[in-house]
Amino acid sequence: MELTTKSITLIAALFLTGLSAGLFYAWEFSVIPGAKRVADQTYIETMQAVNRAIINPAFMLIFFGSMLAQTMSLYLHRGTTAFWLILSALATYFLGTLLVTALGNVPLNNGLDALNLKDLSVEEINQHRSAYEAKWNKLHTVRTAFAVLSFSLMVVSTMLAMK
């Protein structure tokens, strides 16, 4: 296989999309089940800390970089069979992962972050957790499924393009 801008961009898109899908998948099947087992105050404190910590260069690289690399790869593969699979992967990632996160998970995170647990009763903490956790987990399941689907489409498009 010859390394060209076209192939390097495609591999970068595949790699970054895989990291993003893997992060969401691992969270879905390890962190969420574990978080369900902790007390309400511990849950909220943990999610507040995680939501603040996850905004970092490494996460931003895989979360936005995958879409950027997919877009660049789409442009470089115009007129090929792989183009349509890359377009499908990009649309899937944008609509199901990025938009769900931006319009669903992030506003919930911001609402949770605004809570000062010292000002809340045990009952209020329980109510906030119940309202947040159920919605957030549903949205997370959606974005995980779309990220995994996008990665799967990138795998197939890479196999097609590298023939």
Protein backbone atom coordinates (compact mmCIF):
# COMPACT_ATOMS: atom_id res chain seq x y z
CA MET A 1 0.00 0.00 0.00
CA GLU A 2 1.33 3.38 -1.00
CA LEU A 3 1.13 6.10 1.63
CA THR A 4 -0.53 9.11 0.12
CA THR A 5 -2.41 12.03 1.62
CA LYS A 6 -5.58 10.22 0.58
CA SER A 7 -4.68 6.98 2.39
CA ILE A 8 -3.20 8.69 5.46
CA THR A 9 -6.33 10.81 5.85
CA LEU A 10 -8.56 7.77 5.53
CA ILE A 11 -6.54 5.85 8.12
CA ALA A 12 -6.59 8.86 10.45
CA ALA A 13 -10.39 9.08 10.09
CA LEU A 14 -10.71 5.37 10.81
CA PHE A 15 -8.38 5.57 13.82
CA LEU A 16 -9.97 8.66 15.39
CA THR A 17 -13.51 7.41 14.79
CA GLY A 18 -12.52 4.10 16.38
CA LEU A 19 -11.13 5.87 19.44
CA SER A 20 -14.30 7.91 19.79
CA ALA A 21 -16.57 4.88 19.39
CA GLY A 22 -14.39 2.93 21.82
CA LEU A 23 -14.57 5.64 24.45
CA PHE A 24 -18.36 5.80 24.27
CA TYR A 25 -18.68 2.00 24.12
CA ALA A 26 -16.43 1.49 27.14
CA TRP A 27 -18.34 4.14 29.10
CA GLU A 28 -21.66 2.48 28.19
CA PHE A 29 -20.64 -0.94 29.43
CA SER A 30 -18.35 -0.13 32.35
CA VAL A 31 -18.86 3.32 33.85
CA ILE A 32 -22.66 3.49 33.60
CA PRO A 33 -23.25 0.10 35.30
CA GLY A 34 -20.75 1.03 38.02
CA ALA A 35 -22.24 4.49 38.52
CA LYS A 36 -25.67 2.97 39.09
CA ARG A 37 -24.27 1.37 42.25
CA VAL A 38 -23.15 4.52 44.05
CA ALA A 39 -25.03 6.87 46.36
CA ASP A 40 -26.77 9.89 44.86
CA GLN A 41 -24.36 12.51 46.19
CA THR A 42 -21.34 10.44 45.10
CA TYR A 43 -22.87 10.03 41.64
CA ILE A 44 -23.44 13.76 41.18
CA GLU A 45 -19.99 14.69 42.54
CA THR A 46 -18.37 12.15 40.24
CA MET A 47 -20.28 13.24 37.14
CA GLN A 48 -19.50 16.88 37.87
CA ALA A 49 -15.80 16.04 38.14
CA VAL A 50 -15.80 13.87 35.01
CA ASN A 51 -17.71 16.44 32.96
CA ARG A 52 -15.14 19.07 33.88
CA ALA A 53 -12.14 16.79 33.29
CA ILE A 54 -13.23 15.41 29.92
CA ILE A 55 -12.89 18.79 28.22
CA ASN A 56 -9.23 18.35 27.37
CA PRO A 57 -7.09 18.26 24.20
CA ALA A 58 -6.99 14.45 23.95
CA PHE A 59 -10.78 14.14 24.08
CA MET A 60 -11.32 17.07 21.73
CA LEU A 61 -8.90 15.52 19.24
CA ILE A 62 -10.86 12.29 18.98
CA PHE A 63 -14.32 13.84 19.32
CA PHE A 64 -13.89 16.59 16.71
CA GLY A 65 -10.84 15.21 14.91
CA SER A 66 -12.69 12.13 13.74
CA MET A 67 -15.28 14.28 11.99
CA LEU A 68 -12.63 16.58 10.53
CA ALA A 69 -10.63 13.60 9.22
CA GLN A 70 -13.81 12.03 7.82
CA THR A 71 -14.63 15.30 6.04
CA MET A 72 -11.14 15.57 4.57
CA SER A 73 -11.26 11.91 3.54
CA LEU A 74 -14.67 12.40 1.96
CA TYR A 75 -13.28 15.20 -0.17
CA LEU A 76 -10.22 13.18 -1.21
CA HIS A 77 -12.35 10.14 -2.11
CA ARG A 78 -14.92 11.93 -4.24
CA GLY A 79 -15.76 9.92 -7.32
CA THR A 80 -14.90 6.58 -5.69
CA THR A 81 -17.02 3.81 -4.25
CA ALA A 82 -15.68 4.57 -0.76
CA PHE A 83 -17.07 8.12 -1.02
CA TRP A 84 -20.63 7.02 -0.22
CA LEU A 85 -19.59 4.98 2.79
CA ILE A 86 -17.46 7.82 4.13
CA LEU A 87 -20.38 10.20 3.58
CA SER A 88 -22.64 7.80 5.51
CA ALA A 89 -20.06 7.54 8.31
CA LEU A 90 -19.74 11.32 8.49
CA ALA A 91 -23.51 11.90 8.52
CA THR A 92 -23.96 9.18 11.14
CA TYR A 93 -21.24 10.62 13.36
CA PHE A 94 -22.41 14.21 12.96
CA LEU A 95 -26.12 13.58 13.52
CA GLY A 96 -25.99 10.76 16.03
CA THR A 97 -22.86 11.48 18.01
CA LEU A 98 -21.90 15.14 17.76
CA LEU A 99 -25.39 16.67 17.68
CA VAL A 100 -26.78 14.34 20.35
CA THR A 101 -23.85 15.28 22.56
CA ALA A 102 -24.09 19.02 21.84
CA LEU A 103 -27.87 19.30 22.11
CA GLY A 104 -28.51 16.62 24.73
CA ASN A 105 -25.65 15.51 26.96
CA VAL A 106 -23.84 18.86 27.22
CA PRO A 107 -26.90 20.85 28.39
CA LEU A 108 -27.60 18.15 30.98
CA ASN A 109 -23.96 18.31 32.08
CA ASN A 110 -24.14 22.09 32.38
CA GLY A 111 -27.27 21.84 34.51
CA LEU A 112 -25.62 19.30 36.76
CA ASP A 113 -22.49 21.39 37.01
CA ALA A 114 -24.52 24.36 38.29
CA LEU A 115 -25.68 22.37 41.33
CA ASN A 116 -24.11 23.17 44.67
CA LEU A 117 -24.68 20.02 46.67
CA LYS A 118 -24.11 21.84 49.97
CA ASP A 119 -27.29 23.82 49.32
CA LEU A 120 -29.47 20.74 48.62
CA SER A 121 -31.29 18.29 50.85
CA VAL A 122 -30.88 14.55 50.43
CA GLU A 123 -34.27 14.42 48.68
CA GLU A 124 -33.32 17.22 46.28
CA ILE A 125 -30.05 15.48 45.45
CA ASN A 126 -32.00 12.29 44.72
CA GLN A 127 -34.43 14.20 42.47
CA HIS A 128 -31.60 15.85 40.53
CA ARG A 129 -29.85 12.55 40.02
CA SER A 130 -33.02 10.81 38.85
CA ALA A 131 -33.83 13.59 36.38
CA TYR A 132 -30.27 13.74 35.04
CA GLU A 133 -29.19 10.09 34.98
CA ALA A 134 -32.11 8.60 33.06
CA LYS A 135 -32.00 11.22 30.28
CA TRP A 136 -28.21 11.33 30.09
CA ASN A 137 -27.88 7.54 29.87
CA LYS A 138 -30.49 7.32 27.07
CA LEU A 139 -28.71 10.00 25.09
CA HIS A 140 -25.38 8.31 25.72
CA THR A 141 -26.74 5.01 24.39
CA VAL A 142 -27.84 6.79 21.21
CA ARG A 143 -24.50 8.49 20.65
CA THR A 144 -22.66 5.25 21.38
CA ALA A 145 -24.70 3.35 18.79
CA PHE A 146 -24.11 6.04 16.19
CA ALA A 147 -20.38 6.27 16.94
CA VAL A 148 -20.03 2.50 16.59
CA LEU A 149 -22.04 2.56 13.35
CA SER A 150 -19.88 5.38 12.02
CA PHE A 151 -16.75 3.43 12.89
CA SER A 152 -18.14 0.32 11.18
CA LEU A 153 -18.83 2.33 8.05
CA MET A 154 -15.28 3.69 8.17
CA VAL A 155 -13.91 0.14 8.45
CA VAL A 156 -15.80 -0.94 5.33
CA SER A 157 -14.90 2.23 3.43
CA THR A 158 -11.22 1.74 4.31
CA MET A 159 -11.34 -1.87 3.12
CA LEU A 160 -12.93 -0.74 -0.13
CA ALA A 161 -10.51 2.13 -0.67
CA MET A 162 -7.43 0.03 0.08
CA LYS A 163 -8.28 -2.72 -2.44
